[in-house]
Amino acid sequence: MPKVPDLSTEICPHRSKLARKFHPGFDPAWRGTLIPNLAALESADILVLLGGGLTVKLMGQIAADKERPVLAIPSFGGTSVEIFESLKWIYRGILGDRFNELTVLKSTWETSSAQRVISLAEALAIKAANDCGSLVFS
């Protein structure tokens, strides 16, 4: 399985703010549980999912329930693939012509991939904010 990148070290557009992977108020011993992830989700505009198992799937469902958009990156395997597949038609409707950019995220991660993820995440977050809607999956 490919190594999951640390998006905080990738170059982000000046208008983007990259939140911490985990909420800073929690002891590192809590990592791998839902608790710090739920705290971070409260201040997030969008949830980006990479790889994962049960926690990633639950976080995606919770984010959708809270009407936060979800961008699942399938190139790292795990439950993000399943979530991506269940959301791809919703992505197509929201992103329109930019939908084809998502197919690149199914291939091997490259240096330019982080920029693309940020750009697509912003587009989904803006659309959700304007429509007051969410990306819901089953």
N, C-alpha and C. Protein backbone atom coordinates (compact mmCIF):
# COMPACT_ATOMS: atom_id res chain seq x y z
N MET A 1 0.85 -1.17 0.00
CA MET A 1 0.00 0.00 0.00
C MET A 1 0.89 1.24 0.00
N PRO A 2 0.54 2.26 -0.80
CA PRO A 2 1.36 3.47 -0.86
C PRO A 2 1.34 4.23 0.47
N LYS A 3 2.41 4.97 0.68
CA LYS A 3 2.52 5.79 1.89
C LYS A 3 1.55 6.98 1.79
N VAL A 4 0.79 7.22 2.85
CA VAL A 4 -0.14 8.34 2.88
C VAL A 4 0.67 9.62 3.10
N PRO A 5 0.50 10.63 2.22
CA PRO A 5 1.30 11.85 2.34
C PRO A 5 0.85 12.71 3.51
N ASP A 6 1.76 13.54 3.99
CA ASP A 6 1.43 14.53 5.00
C ASP A 6 1.09 15.81 4.24
N LEU A 7 -0.21 16.09 4.09
CA LEU A 7 -0.63 17.23 3.29
C LEU A 7 -0.16 18.55 3.89
N SER A 8 0.18 18.57 5.17
CA SER A 8 0.64 19.82 5.78
C SER A 8 2.01 20.23 5.26
N THR A 9 2.75 19.29 4.66
CA THR A 9 4.06 19.64 4.10
C THR A 9 3.99 19.94 2.61
N GLU A 10 2.83 19.70 2.01
CA GLU A 10 2.65 19.99 0.59
C GLU A 10 2.34 21.48 0.42
N ILE A 11 2.58 22.01 -0.75
CA ILE A 11 2.30 23.41 -1.03
C ILE A 11 0.80 23.57 -1.26
N CYS A 12 0.20 24.54 -0.53
CA CYS A 12 -1.23 24.81 -0.64
C CYS A 12 -1.43 26.20 -1.21
N PRO A 13 -2.53 26.41 -1.92
CA PRO A 13 -2.81 27.76 -2.42
C PRO A 13 -2.91 28.74 -1.26
N HIS A 14 -2.59 29.99 -1.52
CA HIS A 14 -2.58 31.00 -0.46
C HIS A 14 -3.95 31.17 0.19
N ARG A 15 -5.03 30.89 -0.50
CA ARG A 15 -6.35 31.08 0.06
C ARG A 15 -6.81 29.89 0.90
N SER A 16 -6.04 28.84 0.92
CA SER A 16 -6.41 27.63 1.64
C SER A 16 -5.76 27.60 3.01
N LYS A 17 -6.51 27.08 3.96
CA LYS A 17 -5.99 26.87 5.30
C LYS A 17 -6.08 25.38 5.57
N LEU A 18 -4.97 24.76 5.86
CA LEU A 18 -4.96 23.33 6.10
C LEU A 18 -5.00 23.09 7.60
N ALA A 19 -6.07 22.47 8.06
CA ALA A 19 -6.22 22.19 9.48
C ALA A 19 -5.33 21.00 9.87
N ARG A 20 -5.14 20.84 11.15
CA ARG A 20 -4.35 19.71 11.64
C ARG A 20 -5.08 18.40 11.37
N LYS A 21 -4.31 17.35 11.26
CA LYS A 21 -4.92 16.04 11.07
C LYS A 21 -5.72 15.66 12.31
N PHE A 22 -5.20 15.98 13.48
CA PHE A 22 -5.88 15.71 14.73
C PHE A 22 -6.04 17.01 15.49
N HIS A 23 -7.04 17.08 16.31
CA HIS A 23 -7.26 18.27 17.11
C HIS A 23 -6.09 18.43 18.08
N PRO A 24 -5.49 19.64 18.17
CA PRO A 24 -4.29 19.82 19.01
C PRO A 24 -4.56 19.71 20.51
N GLY A 25 -5.83 19.76 20.92
CA GLY A 25 -6.14 19.70 22.35
C GLY A 25 -6.15 18.29 22.92
N PHE A 26 -5.86 17.29 22.10
CA PHE A 26 -5.91 15.91 22.57
C PHE A 26 -4.52 15.30 22.64
N ASP A 27 -4.31 14.51 23.65
CA ASP A 27 -3.06 13.79 23.84
C ASP A 27 -2.86 12.82 22.67
N PRO A 28 -1.62 12.67 22.18
CA PRO A 28 -1.37 11.75 21.06
C PRO A 28 -1.81 10.31 21.34
N ALA A 29 -1.98 9.95 22.61
CA ALA A 29 -2.42 8.60 22.93
C ALA A 29 -3.82 8.31 22.38
N TRP A 30 -4.60 9.37 22.11
CA TRP A 30 -5.94 9.21 21.58
C TRP A 30 -5.96 8.99 20.07
N ARG A 31 -4.83 9.16 19.41
CA ARG A 31 -4.81 8.98 17.96
C ARG A 31 -5.26 7.58 17.59
N GLY A 32 -5.95 7.50 16.48
CA GLY A 32 -6.49 6.20 16.07
C GLY A 32 -7.89 5.96 16.61
N THR A 33 -8.41 6.92 17.36
CA THR A 33 -9.78 6.81 17.86
C THR A 33 -10.61 7.91 17.23
N LEU A 34 -11.89 7.85 17.41
CA LEU A 34 -12.78 8.87 16.85
C LEU A 34 -12.70 10.21 17.58
N ILE A 35 -12.30 10.21 18.83
CA ILE A 35 -12.38 11.42 19.66
C ILE A 35 -11.65 12.62 19.06
N PRO A 36 -10.36 12.54 18.74
CA PRO A 36 -9.71 13.74 18.17
C PRO A 36 -10.23 14.07 16.78
N ASN A 37 -10.63 13.06 16.04
CA ASN A 37 -11.17 13.30 14.69
C ASN A 37 -12.50 14.05 14.76
N LEU A 38 -13.34 13.69 15.71
CA LEU A 38 -14.62 14.39 15.87
C LEU A 38 -14.40 15.84 16.26
N ALA A 39 -13.43 16.08 17.14
CA ALA A 39 -13.13 17.45 17.54
C ALA A 39 -12.65 18.27 16.35
N ALA A 40 -11.79 17.70 15.51
CA ALA A 40 -11.28 18.41 14.34
C ALA A 40 -12.41 18.65 13.33
N LEU A 41 -13.33 17.70 13.19
CA LEU A 41 -14.42 17.83 12.23
C LEU A 41 -15.32 19.02 12.56
N GLU A 42 -15.45 19.34 13.83
CA GLU A 42 -16.31 20.45 14.24
C GLU A 42 -15.89 21.77 13.60
N SER A 43 -14.60 21.96 13.36
CA SER A 43 -14.13 23.22 12.78
C SER A 43 -13.78 23.10 11.30
N ALA A 44 -14.08 21.97 10.70
CA ALA A 44 -13.72 21.72 9.30
C ALA A 44 -14.83 22.15 8.34
N ASP A 45 -14.42 22.63 7.17
CA ASP A 45 -15.37 22.94 6.10
C ASP A 45 -15.61 21.73 5.22
N ILE A 46 -14.64 20.82 5.20
CA ILE A 46 -14.72 19.62 4.36
C ILE A 46 -13.86 18.54 5.00
N LEU A 47 -14.22 17.30 4.78
CA LEU A 47 -13.44 16.17 5.27
C LEU A 47 -12.78 15.49 4.09
N VAL A 48 -11.45 15.39 4.12
CA VAL A 48 -10.70 14.68 3.09
C VAL A 48 -10.28 13.35 3.68
N LEU A 49 -10.64 12.26 3.01
CA LEU A 49 -10.36 10.91 3.49
C LEU A 49 -9.29 10.24 2.64
N LEU A 50 -8.32 9.62 3.31
CA LEU A 50 -7.25 8.86 2.65
C LEU A 50 -7.20 7.48 3.29
N GLY A 51 -7.17 6.44 2.46
CA GLY A 51 -7.03 5.08 2.98
C GLY A 51 -8.14 4.75 3.96
N GLY A 52 -7.77 4.08 5.03
CA GLY A 52 -8.67 3.90 6.14
C GLY A 52 -9.36 2.57 6.28
N GLY A 53 -10.00 2.49 7.43
CA GLY A 53 -10.79 1.33 7.81
C GLY A 53 -12.10 1.82 8.40
N LEU A 54 -12.49 1.23 9.51
CA LEU A 54 -13.77 1.56 10.12
C LEU A 54 -13.84 3.03 10.57
N THR A 55 -12.76 3.56 11.15
CA THR A 55 -12.78 4.95 11.61
C THR A 55 -13.00 5.91 10.45
N VAL A 56 -12.34 5.69 9.33
CA VAL A 56 -12.51 6.56 8.16
C VAL A 56 -13.94 6.48 7.65
N LYS A 57 -14.50 5.27 7.59
CA LYS A 57 -15.87 5.12 7.12
C LYS A 57 -16.84 5.84 8.06
N LEU A 58 -16.65 5.67 9.36
CA LEU A 58 -17.51 6.35 10.33
C LEU A 58 -17.39 7.86 10.24
N MET A 59 -16.15 8.36 10.08
CA MET A 59 -15.96 9.80 9.96
C MET A 59 -16.65 10.34 8.72
N GLY A 60 -16.61 9.62 7.64
CA GLY A 60 -17.31 10.04 6.43
C GLY A 60 -18.81 10.11 6.64
N GLN A 61 -19.36 9.12 7.33
CA GLN A 61 -20.79 9.11 7.60
C GLN A 61 -21.18 10.24 8.56
N ILE A 62 -20.35 10.47 9.56
CA ILE A 62 -20.62 11.55 10.52
C ILE A 62 -20.54 12.91 9.83
N ALA A 63 -19.54 13.09 8.98
CA ALA A 63 -19.39 14.36 8.25
C ALA A 63 -20.61 14.61 7.37
N ALA A 64 -21.07 13.59 6.66
CA ALA A 64 -22.25 13.74 5.81
C ALA A 64 -23.47 14.07 6.66
N ASP A 65 -23.59 13.43 7.82
CA ASP A 65 -24.70 13.70 8.72
C ASP A 65 -24.68 15.15 9.22
N LYS A 66 -23.47 15.70 9.40
CA LYS A 66 -23.31 17.08 9.83
C LYS A 66 -23.34 18.06 8.65
N GLU A 67 -23.66 17.53 7.47
CA GLU A 67 -23.74 18.32 6.23
C GLU A 67 -22.40 18.96 5.87
N ARG A 68 -21.31 18.22 6.12
CA ARG A 68 -19.99 18.63 5.68
C ARG A 68 -19.66 17.83 4.43
N PRO A 69 -19.14 18.47 3.39
CA PRO A 69 -18.76 17.70 2.21
C PRO A 69 -17.59 16.76 2.51
N VAL A 70 -17.55 15.67 1.77
CA VAL A 70 -16.54 14.64 1.94
C VAL A 70 -15.83 14.44 0.61
N LEU A 71 -14.50 14.51 0.63
CA LEU A 71 -13.69 14.20 -0.55
C LEU A 71 -12.85 12.98 -0.22
N ALA A 72 -13.21 11.84 -0.80
CA ALA A 72 -12.49 10.59 -0.57
C ALA A 72 -11.45 10.41 -1.67
N ILE A 73 -10.21 10.16 -1.28
CA ILE A 73 -9.11 9.96 -2.22
C ILE A 73 -8.86 8.45 -2.32
N PRO A 74 -9.22 7.84 -3.46
CA PRO A 74 -9.14 6.39 -3.58
C PRO A 74 -7.74 5.81 -3.83
N SER A 75 -6.76 6.64 -4.14
CA SER A 75 -5.46 6.11 -4.55
C SER A 75 -4.71 5.39 -3.42
N PHE A 76 -5.16 5.52 -2.18
CA PHE A 76 -4.48 4.86 -1.06
C PHE A 76 -5.21 3.62 -0.57
N GLY A 77 -6.26 3.23 -1.28
CA GLY A 77 -6.99 2.03 -0.91
C GLY A 77 -7.88 2.26 0.31
N GLY A 78 -8.17 1.19 1.02
CA GLY A 78 -8.98 1.28 2.23
C GLY A 78 -10.43 1.66 1.95
N THR A 79 -11.12 2.09 2.98
CA THR A 79 -12.53 2.43 2.83
C THR A 79 -12.73 3.71 2.03
N SER A 80 -11.67 4.48 1.79
CA SER A 80 -11.80 5.67 0.94
C SER A 80 -12.22 5.29 -0.48
N VAL A 81 -11.82 4.11 -0.94
CA VAL A 81 -12.22 3.64 -2.27
C VAL A 81 -13.73 3.43 -2.30
N GLU A 82 -14.24 2.76 -1.29
CA GLU A 82 -15.67 2.48 -1.19
C GLU A 82 -16.48 3.79 -1.12
N ILE A 83 -15.99 4.73 -0.33
CA ILE A 83 -16.68 6.01 -0.19
C ILE A 83 -16.62 6.80 -1.50
N PHE A 84 -15.45 6.80 -2.15
CA PHE A 84 -15.31 7.48 -3.45
C PHE A 84 -16.33 6.92 -4.44
N GLU A 85 -16.41 5.60 -4.52
CA GLU A 85 -17.32 4.96 -5.48
C GLU A 85 -18.78 5.31 -5.18
N SER A 86 -19.14 5.43 -3.91
CA SER A 86 -20.53 5.76 -3.57
C SER A 86 -20.83 7.24 -3.81
N LEU A 87 -19.80 8.08 -3.87
CA LEU A 87 -20.00 9.52 -4.07
C LEU A 87 -19.72 10.00 -5.49
N LYS A 88 -19.18 9.14 -6.35
CA LYS A 88 -18.70 9.63 -7.65
C LYS A 88 -19.78 10.29 -8.49
N TRP A 89 -21.02 9.83 -8.41
CA TRP A 89 -22.08 10.46 -9.21
C TRP A 89 -22.47 11.80 -8.62
N ILE A 90 -22.39 11.92 -7.32
CA ILE A 90 -22.64 13.21 -6.67
C ILE A 90 -21.52 14.18 -7.05
N TYR A 91 -20.27 13.69 -7.01
CA TYR A 91 -19.14 14.52 -7.43
C TYR A 91 -19.35 15.02 -8.87
N ARG A 92 -19.81 14.13 -9.74
CA ARG A 92 -20.02 14.51 -11.14
C ARG A 92 -21.01 15.66 -11.24
N GLY A 93 -22.10 15.59 -10.50
CA GLY A 93 -23.10 16.65 -10.52
C GLY A 93 -22.59 17.97 -9.98
N ILE A 94 -21.77 17.91 -8.95
CA ILE A 94 -21.26 19.13 -8.32
C ILE A 94 -20.10 19.73 -9.11
N LEU A 95 -19.16 18.89 -9.53
CA LEU A 95 -17.94 19.39 -10.15
C LEU A 95 -18.08 19.64 -11.66
N GLY A 96 -19.06 19.03 -12.28
CA GLY A 96 -19.26 19.24 -13.72
C GLY A 96 -18.02 18.90 -14.52
N ASP A 97 -17.49 19.89 -15.25
CA ASP A 97 -16.32 19.67 -16.11
C ASP A 97 -15.08 19.26 -15.33
N ARG A 98 -15.02 19.59 -14.07
CA ARG A 98 -13.84 19.26 -13.25
C ARG A 98 -13.87 17.82 -12.74
N PHE A 99 -14.96 17.10 -13.00
CA PHE A 99 -15.10 15.72 -12.51
C PHE A 99 -13.93 14.85 -12.95
N ASN A 100 -13.43 15.06 -14.16
CA ASN A 100 -12.33 14.24 -14.67
C ASN A 100 -11.07 14.38 -13.84
N GLU A 101 -10.92 15.49 -13.11
CA GLU A 101 -9.76 15.65 -12.23
C GLU A 101 -9.76 14.61 -11.11
N LEU A 102 -10.94 14.16 -10.72
CA LEU A 102 -11.03 13.14 -9.67
C LEU A 102 -10.45 11.81 -10.12
N THR A 103 -10.57 11.49 -11.39
CA THR A 103 -10.06 10.20 -11.87
C THR A 103 -8.54 10.13 -11.72
N VAL A 104 -7.88 11.28 -11.77
CA VAL A 104 -6.43 11.30 -11.57
C VAL A 104 -6.08 10.86 -10.15
N LEU A 105 -6.97 11.13 -9.21
CA LEU A 105 -6.70 10.78 -7.81
C LEU A 105 -6.84 9.28 -7.55
N LYS A 106 -7.25 8.52 -8.56
CA LYS A 106 -7.31 7.07 -8.43
C LYS A 106 -5.97 6.43 -8.79
N SER A 107 -5.08 7.24 -9.36
CA SER A 107 -3.78 6.72 -9.78
C SER A 107 -2.72 7.00 -8.70
N THR A 108 -1.49 6.70 -9.01
CA THR A 108 -0.38 6.88 -8.05
C THR A 108 -0.25 8.34 -7.63
N TRP A 109 -0.04 8.55 -6.36
CA TRP A 109 0.10 9.90 -5.79
C TRP A 109 1.37 10.55 -6.33
N GLU A 110 1.24 11.79 -6.77
CA GLU A 110 2.37 12.55 -7.28
C GLU A 110 2.46 13.87 -6.53
N THR A 111 3.54 14.60 -6.72
CA THR A 111 3.72 15.89 -6.06
C THR A 111 2.56 16.83 -6.37
N SER A 112 2.07 16.83 -7.58
CA SER A 112 0.98 17.73 -7.98
C SER A 112 -0.39 17.29 -7.43
N SER A 113 -0.48 16.09 -6.89
CA SER A 113 -1.76 15.58 -6.40
C SER A 113 -2.30 16.40 -5.23
N ALA A 114 -1.43 16.86 -4.33
CA ALA A 114 -1.88 17.62 -3.17
C ALA A 114 -2.57 18.91 -3.61
N GLN A 115 -1.99 19.59 -4.57
CA GLN A 115 -2.58 20.82 -5.10
C GLN A 115 -3.97 20.54 -5.67
N ARG A 116 -4.09 19.44 -6.38
CA ARG A 116 -5.37 19.06 -6.97
C ARG A 116 -6.41 18.75 -5.90
N VAL A 117 -5.99 18.05 -4.84
CA VAL A 117 -6.91 17.73 -3.74
C VAL A 117 -7.42 19.01 -3.09
N ILE A 118 -6.52 19.95 -2.82
CA ILE A 118 -6.92 21.21 -2.19
C ILE A 118 -7.90 21.95 -3.09
N SER A 119 -7.61 22.02 -4.37
CA SER A 119 -8.47 22.72 -5.32
C SER A 119 -9.86 22.08 -5.40
N LEU A 120 -9.91 20.77 -5.48
CA LEU A 120 -11.20 20.07 -5.53
C LEU A 120 -11.95 20.20 -4.21
N ALA A 121 -11.23 20.11 -3.10
CA ALA A 121 -11.86 20.27 -1.78
C ALA A 121 -12.49 21.65 -1.65
N GLU A 122 -11.77 22.67 -2.11
CA GLU A 122 -12.32 24.02 -2.07
C GLU A 122 -13.58 24.13 -2.91
N ALA A 123 -13.56 23.53 -4.10
CA ALA A 123 -14.73 23.59 -4.97
C ALA A 123 -15.93 22.91 -4.32
N LEU A 124 -15.72 21.77 -3.67
CA LEU A 124 -16.81 21.08 -2.99
C LEU A 124 -17.31 21.87 -1.79
N ALA A 125 -16.40 22.46 -1.03
CA ALA A 125 -16.78 23.23 0.15
C ALA A 125 -17.57 24.48 -0.24
N ILE A 126 -17.13 25.15 -1.30
CA ILE A 126 -17.84 26.35 -1.77
C ILE A 126 -19.24 25.99 -2.25
N LYS A 127 -19.34 24.91 -3.00
CA LYS A 127 -20.65 24.47 -3.50
C LYS A 127 -21.57 24.10 -2.34
N ALA A 128 -21.05 23.39 -1.34
CA ALA A 128 -21.86 23.01 -0.19
C ALA A 128 -22.31 24.24 0.60
N ALA A 129 -21.42 25.22 0.74
CA ALA A 129 -21.77 26.45 1.47
C ALA A 129 -22.85 27.23 0.72
N ASN A 130 -22.75 27.28 -0.60
CA ASN A 130 -23.73 28.02 -1.39
C ASN A 130 -25.07 27.32 -1.46
N ASP A 131 -25.06 25.97 -1.47
CA ASP A 131 -26.29 25.20 -1.58
C ASP A 131 -26.86 24.76 -0.24
N CYS A 132 -26.07 24.95 0.82
CA CYS A 132 -26.46 24.44 2.15
C CYS A 132 -26.76 22.96 2.07
N GLY A 133 -25.98 22.24 1.28
CA GLY A 133 -26.22 20.81 1.10
C GLY A 133 -25.03 20.00 1.55
N SER A 134 -25.13 18.71 1.41
CA SER A 134 -24.05 17.83 1.82
C SER A 134 -23.85 16.74 0.78
N LEU A 135 -22.77 16.04 0.92
CA LEU A 135 -22.52 14.86 0.10
C LEU A 135 -22.85 13.65 0.99
N VAL A 136 -23.90 12.96 0.67
CA VAL A 136 -24.36 11.86 1.50
C VAL A 136 -24.08 10.56 0.77
N PHE A 137 -23.64 9.57 1.50
CA PHE A 137 -23.39 8.26 0.89
C PHE A 137 -23.98 7.18 1.77
N SER A 138 -24.17 6.02 1.17
CA SER A 138 -24.78 4.93 1.93
C SER A 138 -23.73 3.95 2.39
